[in-house]
């Protein structure tokens, strides 16, 4: 990443961090910056989260490890990560009308994780997300082994988790990323 791009991304992240202090009480920007500066992979992942429409922000810090936790805080599922089936197995199983990829593979390529159901519900305590879209979430193996995958959204003032065939994809369904730095 060029120095100018790095500086622009860090300024954007700092502005978002300062504007949304309620998302990360007790975390300082100096600590966040030190963690990012120590990890070229984290900076690259944050750039990919931002470029795909995620609007990453700090949502906490792991008390045990000290890791800073970033998550996509865009109001809706990131536009650059929609119309994907759940994983590579589902993508390979599609015979017709294949989507451009899978959520699991794109997350791996970006160096991030899909949110678990618990993490998704915790994010929803920080604001109202996915009121018009939905997001794939990490699916337990017992569900995935039966051909399904989980997704979540917020409707009617509540957070819902649903199931769908892992091969399905929709223009309004993407995934939210989690990054530990």
N, C-alpha and C. Protein backbone atom coordinates (compact mmCIF):
# COMPACT_ATOMS: atom_id res chain seq x y z
N UNK A 1 0.85 -1.17 0.00
CA UNK A 1 0.00 0.00 0.00
C UNK A 1 0.90 1.24 0.00
N UNK A 2 0.58 2.18 -0.84
CA UNK A 2 1.34 3.42 -0.91
C UNK A 2 1.10 4.25 0.35
N UNK A 3 2.08 5.07 0.69
CA UNK A 3 2.01 5.88 1.92
C UNK A 3 0.77 6.78 1.92
N UNK A 4 0.44 7.36 0.78
CA UNK A 4 -0.72 8.25 0.69
C UNK A 4 -2.02 7.48 0.94
N UNK A 5 -2.12 6.27 0.39
CA UNK A 5 -3.31 5.43 0.60
C UNK A 5 -3.42 5.03 2.06
N UNK A 6 -2.28 4.66 2.66
CA UNK A 6 -2.24 4.29 4.07
C UNK A 6 -2.71 5.45 4.94
N UNK A 7 -2.16 6.62 4.69
CA UNK A 7 -2.52 7.80 5.47
C UNK A 7 -4.01 8.14 5.34
N UNK A 8 -4.52 8.01 4.11
CA UNK A 8 -5.95 8.29 3.87
C UNK A 8 -6.82 7.30 4.65
N UNK A 9 -6.47 6.00 4.57
CA UNK A 9 -7.25 4.99 5.28
C UNK A 9 -7.19 5.21 6.79
N UNK A 10 -6.01 5.49 7.33
CA UNK A 10 -5.89 5.70 8.77
C UNK A 10 -6.66 6.94 9.23
N UNK A 11 -6.65 7.99 8.41
CA UNK A 11 -7.42 9.19 8.75
C UNK A 11 -8.92 8.89 8.76
N UNK A 12 -9.36 8.11 7.79
CA UNK A 12 -10.77 7.71 7.72
C UNK A 12 -11.16 6.86 8.93
N UNK A 13 -10.32 5.89 9.28
CA UNK A 13 -10.59 5.04 10.44
C UNK A 13 -10.59 5.85 11.73
N UNK A 14 -9.67 6.78 11.86
CA UNK A 14 -9.62 7.61 13.06
C UNK A 14 -10.87 8.48 13.19
N UNK A 15 -11.30 9.06 12.09
CA UNK A 15 -12.51 9.89 12.10
C UNK A 15 -13.72 9.06 12.52
N UNK A 16 -13.85 7.87 11.95
CA UNK A 16 -14.97 6.99 12.29
C UNK A 16 -14.88 6.57 13.76
N UNK A 17 -13.67 6.27 14.22
CA UNK A 17 -13.44 5.89 15.62
C UNK A 17 -13.89 7.01 16.56
N UNK A 18 -13.52 8.24 16.23
CA UNK A 18 -13.88 9.38 17.08
C UNK A 18 -15.38 9.70 17.02
N UNK A 19 -15.99 9.53 15.87
CA UNK A 19 -17.42 9.83 15.71
C UNK A 19 -18.33 8.79 16.36
N UNK A 20 -17.80 7.63 16.64
CA UNK A 20 -18.60 6.53 17.19
C UNK A 20 -17.99 5.98 18.47
N UNK A 21 -17.63 6.87 19.37
CA UNK A 21 -16.95 6.48 20.61
C UNK A 21 -17.77 5.50 21.45
N UNK A 22 -19.08 5.53 21.30
CA UNK A 22 -19.93 4.62 22.07
C UNK A 22 -19.74 3.16 21.67
N UNK A 23 -19.13 2.89 20.53
CA UNK A 23 -18.90 1.52 20.08
C UNK A 23 -17.70 0.87 20.77
N UNK A 24 -16.82 1.68 21.36
CA UNK A 24 -15.56 1.14 21.88
C UNK A 24 -15.08 1.88 23.12
N UNK A 25 -15.92 1.90 24.11
CA UNK A 25 -15.57 2.58 25.37
C UNK A 25 -14.30 1.99 25.97
N UNK A 26 -13.42 2.86 26.43
CA UNK A 26 -12.20 2.42 27.07
C UNK A 26 -11.05 2.09 26.14
N UNK A 27 -11.27 2.21 24.83
CA UNK A 27 -10.21 1.94 23.85
C UNK A 27 -9.71 3.28 23.33
N UNK A 28 -8.39 3.44 23.26
CA UNK A 28 -7.82 4.69 22.77
C UNK A 28 -7.35 4.52 21.32
N UNK A 29 -7.39 5.62 20.58
CA UNK A 29 -6.92 5.58 19.20
C UNK A 29 -5.42 5.26 19.16
N UNK A 30 -4.65 5.74 20.12
CA UNK A 30 -3.21 5.46 20.15
C UNK A 30 -2.96 3.95 20.21
N UNK A 31 -3.74 3.25 21.00
CA UNK A 31 -3.60 1.80 21.11
C UNK A 31 -4.00 1.12 19.80
N UNK A 32 -5.09 1.59 19.20
CA UNK A 32 -5.55 1.03 17.92
C UNK A 32 -4.47 1.23 16.86
N UNK A 33 -3.96 2.43 16.76
CA UNK A 33 -2.94 2.75 15.75
C UNK A 33 -1.68 1.92 15.95
N UNK A 34 -1.26 1.73 17.19
CA UNK A 34 -0.08 0.91 17.47
C UNK A 34 -0.28 -0.52 16.99
N UNK A 35 -1.48 -1.05 17.21
CA UNK A 35 -1.79 -2.42 16.76
C UNK A 35 -1.79 -2.51 15.24
N UNK A 36 -2.39 -1.52 14.58
CA UNK A 36 -2.42 -1.53 13.11
C UNK A 36 -1.00 -1.41 12.56
N UNK A 37 -0.22 -0.49 13.12
CA UNK A 37 1.15 -0.27 12.66
C UNK A 37 2.01 -1.52 12.80
N UNK A 38 1.68 -2.37 13.75
CA UNK A 38 2.47 -3.58 13.99
C UNK A 38 2.07 -4.73 13.05
N UNK A 39 1.05 -4.52 12.21
CA UNK A 39 0.55 -5.62 11.38
C UNK A 39 0.19 -5.13 9.98
N UNK A 40 1.07 -5.41 9.02
CA UNK A 40 0.79 -5.06 7.63
C UNK A 40 -0.45 -5.81 7.13
N UNK A 41 -0.63 -7.05 7.61
CA UNK A 41 -1.80 -7.84 7.19
C UNK A 41 -3.10 -7.19 7.66
N UNK A 42 -3.08 -6.63 8.87
CA UNK A 42 -4.28 -5.97 9.39
C UNK A 42 -4.62 -4.74 8.56
N UNK A 43 -3.61 -3.96 8.21
CA UNK A 43 -3.85 -2.77 7.38
C UNK A 43 -4.44 -3.17 6.04
N UNK A 44 -3.92 -4.22 5.44
CA UNK A 44 -4.43 -4.71 4.16
C UNK A 44 -5.88 -5.18 4.30
N UNK A 45 -6.19 -5.92 5.38
CA UNK A 45 -7.55 -6.40 5.60
C UNK A 45 -8.51 -5.23 5.81
N UNK A 46 -8.09 -4.24 6.58
CA UNK A 46 -8.94 -3.06 6.80
C UNK A 46 -9.19 -2.32 5.49
N UNK A 47 -8.18 -2.23 4.64
CA UNK A 47 -8.35 -1.59 3.34
C UNK A 47 -9.37 -2.35 2.50
N UNK A 48 -9.33 -3.67 2.54
CA UNK A 48 -10.29 -4.48 1.78
C UNK A 48 -11.70 -4.35 2.37
N UNK A 49 -11.80 -4.29 3.69
CA UNK A 49 -13.11 -4.09 4.31
C UNK A 49 -13.70 -2.75 3.86
N UNK A 50 -12.88 -1.71 3.88
CA UNK A 50 -13.34 -0.38 3.48
C UNK A 50 -13.70 -0.34 2.00
N UNK A 51 -12.84 -0.89 1.15
CA UNK A 51 -13.06 -0.84 -0.30
C UNK A 51 -14.33 -1.57 -0.72
N UNK A 52 -14.73 -2.58 0.03
CA UNK A 52 -15.93 -3.34 -0.33
C UNK A 52 -17.19 -2.80 0.36
N UNK A 53 -17.06 -1.64 1.03
CA UNK A 53 -18.23 -0.98 1.59
C UNK A 53 -18.55 -1.30 3.03
N UNK A 54 -17.62 -1.90 3.76
CA UNK A 54 -17.90 -2.33 5.13
C UNK A 54 -17.89 -1.25 6.20
N UNK A 55 -17.20 -0.15 5.96
CA UNK A 55 -17.07 0.90 6.96
C UNK A 55 -16.60 0.33 8.31
N UNK A 56 -15.40 -0.30 8.33
CA UNK A 56 -14.93 -0.93 9.56
C UNK A 56 -14.70 0.08 10.68
N UNK A 57 -15.03 -0.36 11.89
CA UNK A 57 -14.79 0.45 13.08
C UNK A 57 -14.45 -0.50 14.23
N UNK A 58 -13.82 0.04 15.24
CA UNK A 58 -13.50 -0.72 16.44
C UNK A 58 -14.79 -0.93 17.22
N UNK A 59 -15.03 -2.18 17.62
CA UNK A 59 -16.22 -2.47 18.43
C UNK A 59 -15.83 -3.02 19.80
N UNK A 60 -14.53 -3.09 20.07
CA UNK A 60 -14.12 -3.56 21.39
C UNK A 60 -12.68 -3.99 21.43
N UNK A 61 -12.30 -4.50 22.58
CA UNK A 61 -10.96 -5.01 22.78
C UNK A 61 -11.06 -6.29 23.61
N UNK A 62 -10.38 -7.32 23.17
CA UNK A 62 -10.37 -8.60 23.89
C UNK A 62 -9.55 -8.41 25.17
N UNK A 63 -10.18 -8.58 26.30
CA UNK A 63 -9.51 -8.36 27.58
C UNK A 63 -8.39 -9.36 27.83
N UNK A 64 -8.54 -10.57 27.33
CA UNK A 64 -7.53 -11.61 27.55
C UNK A 64 -6.28 -11.41 26.69
N UNK A 65 -6.47 -11.02 25.42
CA UNK A 65 -5.33 -10.93 24.50
C UNK A 65 -4.90 -9.50 24.21
N UNK A 66 -5.78 -8.54 24.50
CA UNK A 66 -5.49 -7.15 24.17
C UNK A 66 -5.80 -6.80 22.72
N UNK A 67 -6.23 -7.79 21.93
CA UNK A 67 -6.51 -7.53 20.53
C UNK A 67 -7.65 -6.53 20.37
N UNK A 68 -7.50 -5.66 19.40
CA UNK A 68 -8.53 -4.71 19.02
C UNK A 68 -9.46 -5.44 18.04
N UNK A 69 -10.76 -5.27 18.21
CA UNK A 69 -11.73 -5.96 17.37
C UNK A 69 -12.42 -4.95 16.46
N UNK A 70 -12.23 -5.14 15.17
CA UNK A 70 -12.89 -4.33 14.15
C UNK A 70 -14.05 -5.13 13.56
N UNK A 71 -15.09 -4.42 13.16
CA UNK A 71 -16.23 -5.06 12.50
C UNK A 71 -16.80 -4.08 11.48
N UNK A 72 -17.42 -4.64 10.45
CA UNK A 72 -18.14 -3.81 9.49
C UNK A 72 -19.30 -3.13 10.19
N UNK A 73 -19.35 -1.81 10.11
CA UNK A 73 -20.43 -1.05 10.75
C UNK A 73 -21.26 -0.26 9.74
N UNK A 74 -21.18 -0.64 8.47
CA UNK A 74 -22.05 -0.03 7.47
C UNK A 74 -23.49 -0.36 7.83
N UNK A 75 -24.40 0.54 7.54
CA UNK A 75 -25.81 0.33 7.90
C UNK A 75 -26.37 -0.95 7.31
N UNK A 76 -25.99 -1.26 6.08
CA UNK A 76 -26.46 -2.47 5.40
C UNK A 76 -25.28 -3.37 5.07
N UNK A 77 -25.57 -4.61 4.76
CA UNK A 77 -24.53 -5.57 4.41
C UNK A 77 -23.69 -4.96 3.28
N UNK A 78 -22.36 -5.00 3.38
CA UNK A 78 -21.51 -4.31 2.42
C UNK A 78 -21.81 -4.65 0.95
N UNK A 79 -22.01 -3.61 0.18
CA UNK A 79 -22.41 -3.75 -1.22
C UNK A 79 -21.42 -4.57 -2.03
N UNK A 80 -20.14 -4.42 -1.76
CA UNK A 80 -19.12 -5.14 -2.52
C UNK A 80 -18.97 -6.59 -2.14
N UNK A 81 -19.83 -7.07 -1.23
CA UNK A 81 -19.76 -8.46 -0.77
C UNK A 81 -21.13 -9.14 -0.81
N UNK A 82 -21.95 -8.75 -1.75
CA UNK A 82 -23.29 -9.35 -1.86
C UNK A 82 -23.35 -10.30 -3.04
N UNK A 83 -24.48 -10.98 -3.14
CA UNK A 83 -24.73 -11.95 -4.23
C UNK A 83 -23.71 -13.08 -4.22
N UNK A 84 -23.42 -13.58 -3.03
CA UNK A 84 -22.48 -14.68 -2.86
C UNK A 84 -23.20 -15.85 -2.19
N UNK A 85 -22.88 -17.07 -2.61
CA UNK A 85 -23.39 -18.20 -1.85
C UNK A 85 -22.52 -18.35 -0.59
N UNK A 86 -22.79 -19.32 0.23
CA UNK A 86 -22.13 -19.39 1.53
C UNK A 86 -20.65 -19.78 1.44
N UNK A 87 -20.34 -20.92 0.82
CA UNK A 87 -18.95 -21.38 0.80
C UNK A 87 -18.60 -22.02 -0.54
N UNK A 88 -17.35 -22.47 -0.66
CA UNK A 88 -16.87 -23.06 -1.90
C UNK A 88 -17.59 -24.33 -2.28
N UNK A 89 -17.94 -25.14 -1.29
CA UNK A 89 -18.69 -26.37 -1.57
C UNK A 89 -20.03 -26.03 -2.22
N UNK A 90 -20.70 -25.03 -1.69
CA UNK A 90 -21.98 -24.61 -2.26
C UNK A 90 -21.79 -24.03 -3.66
N UNK A 91 -20.75 -23.26 -3.85
CA UNK A 91 -20.47 -22.67 -5.16
C UNK A 91 -20.21 -23.76 -6.19
N UNK A 92 -19.41 -24.75 -5.82
CA UNK A 92 -19.09 -25.84 -6.75
C UNK A 92 -20.30 -26.71 -7.05
N UNK A 93 -21.24 -26.78 -6.13
CA UNK A 93 -22.44 -27.61 -6.33
C UNK A 93 -23.44 -26.97 -7.29
N UNK A 94 -23.34 -25.67 -7.48
CA UNK A 94 -24.28 -24.98 -8.39
C UNK A 94 -23.94 -25.36 -9.82
N UNK A 95 -24.94 -25.80 -10.55
CA UNK A 95 -24.73 -26.17 -11.96
C UNK A 95 -25.01 -25.00 -12.90
N UNK A 96 -25.96 -24.14 -12.51
CA UNK A 96 -26.35 -23.01 -13.34
C UNK A 96 -26.38 -21.74 -12.50
N UNK A 97 -26.28 -20.61 -13.18
CA UNK A 97 -26.39 -19.30 -12.53
C UNK A 97 -25.50 -19.17 -11.30
N UNK A 98 -24.25 -19.52 -11.48
CA UNK A 98 -23.32 -19.43 -10.36
C UNK A 98 -23.08 -17.98 -9.99
N UNK A 99 -23.03 -17.69 -8.69
CA UNK A 99 -22.65 -16.34 -8.27
C UNK A 99 -21.15 -16.15 -8.48
N UNK A 100 -20.65 -14.94 -8.32
CA UNK A 100 -19.23 -14.71 -8.56
C UNK A 100 -18.30 -15.34 -7.52
N UNK A 101 -18.84 -15.81 -6.40
CA UNK A 101 -17.99 -16.41 -5.38
C UNK A 101 -18.78 -16.78 -4.15
N UNK A 102 -18.04 -17.03 -3.08
CA UNK A 102 -18.68 -17.41 -1.82
C UNK A 102 -18.22 -16.49 -0.70
N UNK A 103 -19.07 -16.35 0.31
CA UNK A 103 -18.77 -15.50 1.46
C UNK A 103 -17.55 -16.03 2.22
N UNK A 104 -17.49 -17.31 2.46
CA UNK A 104 -16.38 -17.89 3.22
C UNK A 104 -15.05 -17.66 2.50
N UNK A 105 -15.02 -17.90 1.19
CA UNK A 105 -13.78 -17.72 0.44
C UNK A 105 -13.37 -16.25 0.36
N UNK A 106 -14.35 -15.36 0.13
CA UNK A 106 -14.02 -13.94 0.06
C UNK A 106 -13.46 -13.46 1.40
N UNK A 107 -14.06 -13.91 2.50
CA UNK A 107 -13.56 -13.53 3.83
C UNK A 107 -12.13 -14.01 4.01
N UNK A 108 -11.85 -15.25 3.62
CA UNK A 108 -10.49 -15.78 3.74
C UNK A 108 -9.52 -14.97 2.88
N UNK A 109 -9.92 -14.63 1.67
CA UNK A 109 -9.07 -13.82 0.78
C UNK A 109 -8.80 -12.44 1.37
N UNK A 110 -9.77 -11.90 2.09
CA UNK A 110 -9.62 -10.58 2.70
C UNK A 110 -8.82 -10.63 4.00
N UNK A 111 -8.65 -11.82 4.58
CA UNK A 111 -7.95 -11.96 5.85
C UNK A 111 -8.84 -11.65 7.05
N UNK A 112 -10.14 -11.91 6.92
CA UNK A 112 -11.12 -11.61 7.97
C UNK A 112 -11.96 -12.85 8.25
N UNK A 113 -12.85 -12.75 9.24
CA UNK A 113 -13.76 -13.83 9.58
C UNK A 113 -15.21 -13.38 9.36
N UNK A 114 -16.08 -14.35 9.10
CA UNK A 114 -17.52 -14.07 9.16
C UNK A 114 -17.90 -13.98 10.63
N UNK A 115 -18.86 -13.16 10.94
CA UNK A 115 -19.33 -13.07 12.32
C UNK A 115 -20.07 -14.34 12.71
N UNK A 116 -19.92 -14.73 13.97
CA UNK A 116 -20.74 -15.80 14.51
C UNK A 116 -22.11 -15.21 14.84
N UNK A 117 -23.07 -16.06 15.17
CA UNK A 117 -24.38 -15.55 15.56
C UNK A 117 -24.26 -14.66 16.80
N UNK A 118 -23.46 -15.07 17.76
CA UNK A 118 -23.27 -14.29 18.98
C UNK A 118 -22.65 -12.92 18.67
N UNK A 119 -21.62 -12.91 17.82
CA UNK A 119 -20.98 -11.64 17.46
C UNK A 119 -21.95 -10.73 16.70
N UNK A 120 -22.77 -11.32 15.84
CA UNK A 120 -23.75 -10.54 15.09
C UNK A 120 -24.74 -9.88 16.05
N UNK A 121 -25.21 -10.63 17.02
CA UNK A 121 -26.15 -10.08 18.00
C UNK A 121 -25.49 -9.00 18.86
N UNK A 122 -24.21 -9.17 19.18
CA UNK A 122 -23.50 -8.14 19.94
C UNK A 122 -23.36 -6.86 19.11
N UNK A 123 -23.06 -7.01 17.81
CA UNK A 123 -22.97 -5.84 16.92
C UNK A 123 -24.30 -5.10 16.91
N UNK A 124 -25.40 -5.82 16.87
CA UNK A 124 -26.71 -5.19 16.82
C UNK A 124 -27.04 -4.41 18.09
N UNK A 125 -26.32 -4.64 19.16
CA UNK A 125 -26.50 -3.86 20.38
C UNK A 125 -25.85 -2.47 20.24
N UNK A 126 -24.99 -2.31 19.24
CA UNK A 126 -24.30 -1.03 19.01
C UNK A 126 -25.03 -0.13 18.03
N UNK A 127 -26.06 -0.64 17.39
CA UNK A 127 -26.81 0.13 16.40
C UNK A 127 -27.80 -0.77 15.70
N UNK A 128 -28.45 -0.22 14.69
CA UNK A 128 -29.39 -1.00 13.89
C UNK A 128 -28.77 -1.25 12.52
N UNK A 129 -28.43 -2.50 12.28
CA UNK A 129 -27.75 -2.90 11.05
C UNK A 129 -28.62 -3.91 10.29
N UNK A 130 -28.48 -3.93 8.99
CA UNK A 130 -29.19 -4.88 8.13
C UNK A 130 -30.70 -4.79 8.28
N UNK A 131 -31.23 -3.59 8.21
CA UNK A 131 -32.69 -3.44 8.26
C UNK A 131 -33.32 -3.65 6.88
N UNK A 132 -32.52 -3.63 5.82
CA UNK A 132 -33.02 -3.85 4.46
C UNK A 132 -32.28 -4.98 3.76
N UNK A 133 -31.18 -5.44 4.35
CA UNK A 133 -30.36 -6.50 3.77
C UNK A 133 -30.22 -7.60 4.81
N UNK A 134 -29.45 -8.62 4.48
CA UNK A 134 -29.12 -9.67 5.44
C UNK A 134 -27.65 -10.05 5.24
N UNK A 135 -27.10 -10.75 6.21
CA UNK A 135 -25.68 -11.12 6.17
C UNK A 135 -25.50 -12.59 6.54
N UNK A 136 -24.73 -13.31 5.70
CA UNK A 136 -24.33 -14.66 6.07
C UNK A 136 -23.55 -14.59 7.37
N UNK A 137 -23.71 -15.58 8.23
CA UNK A 137 -22.92 -15.68 9.45
C UNK A 137 -22.26 -17.05 9.49
N UNK A 138 -21.23 -17.18 10.31
CA UNK A 138 -20.53 -18.47 10.43
C UNK A 138 -21.56 -19.53 10.84
N UNK A 139 -21.55 -20.62 10.10
CA UNK A 139 -22.55 -21.67 10.28
C UNK A 139 -21.94 -22.88 10.97
N UNK A 140 -22.58 -23.36 12.03
CA UNK A 140 -22.08 -24.57 12.71
C UNK A 140 -22.05 -25.77 11.75
N UNK A 141 -21.09 -26.64 11.95
CA UNK A 141 -20.90 -27.79 11.07
C UNK A 141 -22.13 -28.68 10.99
N UNK A 142 -22.87 -28.83 12.09
CA UNK A 142 -24.04 -29.71 12.05
C UNK A 142 -25.12 -29.18 11.10
N UNK A 143 -25.22 -27.87 10.95
CA UNK A 143 -26.16 -27.27 10.00
C UNK A 143 -25.58 -27.36 8.59
N UNK A 144 -24.30 -27.02 8.47
CA UNK A 144 -23.68 -27.01 7.15
C UNK A 144 -23.63 -28.40 6.54
N UNK A 145 -23.41 -29.43 7.36
CA UNK A 145 -23.32 -30.80 6.84
C UNK A 145 -24.65 -31.28 6.24
N UNK A 146 -25.73 -30.62 6.60
CA UNK A 146 -27.04 -30.96 6.04
C UNK A 146 -27.40 -30.09 4.83
N UNK A 147 -26.45 -29.26 4.40
CA UNK A 147 -26.66 -28.44 3.20
C UNK A 147 -27.12 -27.02 3.48
N UNK A 148 -27.29 -26.68 4.75
CA UNK A 148 -27.78 -25.35 5.09
C UNK A 148 -26.69 -24.38 5.48
N UNK A 149 -27.08 -23.14 5.62
CA UNK A 149 -26.20 -22.07 6.11
C UNK A 149 -27.09 -21.04 6.80
N UNK A 150 -26.50 -20.29 7.71
CA UNK A 150 -27.25 -19.31 8.49
C UNK A 150 -26.99 -17.89 8.02
N UNK A 151 -28.02 -17.06 8.15
CA UNK A 151 -27.87 -15.63 7.90
C UNK A 151 -28.74 -14.89 8.91
N UNK A 152 -28.43 -13.62 9.11
CA UNK A 152 -29.16 -12.81 10.09
C UNK A 152 -29.49 -11.45 9.52
N UNK A 153 -30.47 -10.81 10.17
CA UNK A 153 -30.83 -9.44 9.84
C UNK A 153 -31.62 -8.85 10.99
N UNK A 154 -32.01 -7.59 10.84
CA UNK A 154 -32.86 -6.92 11.83
C UNK A 154 -34.14 -6.49 11.13
N UNK A 155 -35.26 -6.95 11.67
CA UNK A 155 -36.56 -6.57 11.16
C UNK A 155 -37.49 -6.37 12.35
N UNK A 156 -38.42 -5.45 12.23
CA UNK A 156 -39.44 -5.23 13.27
C UNK A 156 -38.82 -4.98 14.65
N UNK A 157 -37.64 -4.35 14.66
CA UNK A 157 -36.99 -4.04 15.92
C UNK A 157 -36.34 -5.23 16.60
N UNK A 158 -36.22 -6.36 15.89
CA UNK A 158 -35.63 -7.57 16.47
C UNK A 158 -34.56 -8.12 15.55
N UNK A 159 -33.64 -8.87 16.12
CA UNK A 159 -32.60 -9.54 15.34
C UNK A 159 -33.04 -10.98 15.11
N UNK A 160 -33.01 -11.41 13.86
CA UNK A 160 -33.42 -12.75 13.50
C UNK A 160 -32.25 -13.51 12.90
N UNK A 161 -32.21 -14.80 13.14
CA UNK A 161 -31.29 -15.71 12.47
C UNK A 161 -32.14 -16.74 11.76
N UNK A 162 -31.80 -16.96 10.49
CA UNK A 162 -32.56 -17.87 9.63
C UNK A 162 -31.62 -18.89 9.01
N UNK A 163 -32.20 -19.78 8.24
CA UNK A 163 -31.43 -20.75 7.48
C UNK A 163 -31.83 -20.67 6.02
N UNK A 164 -30.93 -21.11 5.18
CA UNK A 164 -31.18 -21.17 3.75
C UNK A 164 -30.26 -22.25 3.20
N UNK A 165 -30.52 -22.71 2.01
CA UNK A 165 -29.56 -23.60 1.37
C UNK A 165 -28.27 -22.83 1.15
N UNK A 166 -27.14 -23.44 1.42
CA UNK A 166 -25.85 -22.76 1.28
C UNK A 166 -25.57 -22.32 -0.15
N UNK A 167 -26.25 -22.95 -1.11
CA UNK A 167 -26.05 -22.60 -2.52
C UNK A 167 -26.79 -21.34 -2.92
N UNK A 168 -27.71 -20.88 -2.09
CA UNK A 168 -28.51 -19.72 -2.47
C UNK A 168 -27.68 -18.44 -2.41
N UNK A 169 -28.13 -17.46 -3.16
CA UNK A 169 -27.52 -16.14 -3.11
C UNK A 169 -28.55 -15.12 -3.53
N UNK A 170 -28.43 -13.93 -2.94
CA UNK A 170 -29.40 -12.87 -3.18
C UNK A 170 -28.67 -11.54 -3.29
N UNK A 171 -29.23 -10.65 -4.06
CA UNK A 171 -28.62 -9.33 -4.25
C UNK A 171 -28.56 -8.54 -2.95
N UNK A 172 -29.42 -8.85 -2.01
CA UNK A 172 -29.46 -8.11 -0.73
C UNK A 172 -28.80 -8.88 0.41
N UNK A 173 -28.07 -9.96 0.10
CA UNK A 173 -27.38 -10.70 1.16
C UNK A 173 -25.89 -10.72 0.90
N UNK A 174 -25.14 -10.26 1.90
CA UNK A 174 -23.69 -10.30 1.83
C UNK A 174 -23.14 -10.92 3.10
N UNK A 175 -22.06 -10.36 3.59
CA UNK A 175 -21.54 -10.79 4.89
C UNK A 175 -20.80 -9.64 5.54
N UNK A 176 -20.78 -9.67 6.85
CA UNK A 176 -20.04 -8.70 7.65
C UNK A 176 -18.77 -9.36 8.14
N UNK A 177 -17.69 -8.58 8.15
CA UNK A 177 -16.38 -9.12 8.52
C UNK A 177 -16.00 -8.71 9.93
N UNK A 178 -15.22 -9.56 10.56
CA UNK A 178 -14.63 -9.30 11.87
C UNK A 178 -13.12 -9.45 11.71
N UNK A 179 -12.38 -8.52 12.30
CA UNK A 179 -10.92 -8.56 12.23
C UNK A 179 -10.36 -8.31 13.62
N UNK A 180 -9.47 -9.18 14.05
CA UNK A 180 -8.78 -9.02 15.33
C UNK A 180 -7.35 -8.56 15.04
N UNK A 181 -6.97 -7.44 15.66
CA UNK A 181 -5.64 -6.87 15.40
C UNK A 181 -4.85 -6.85 16.70
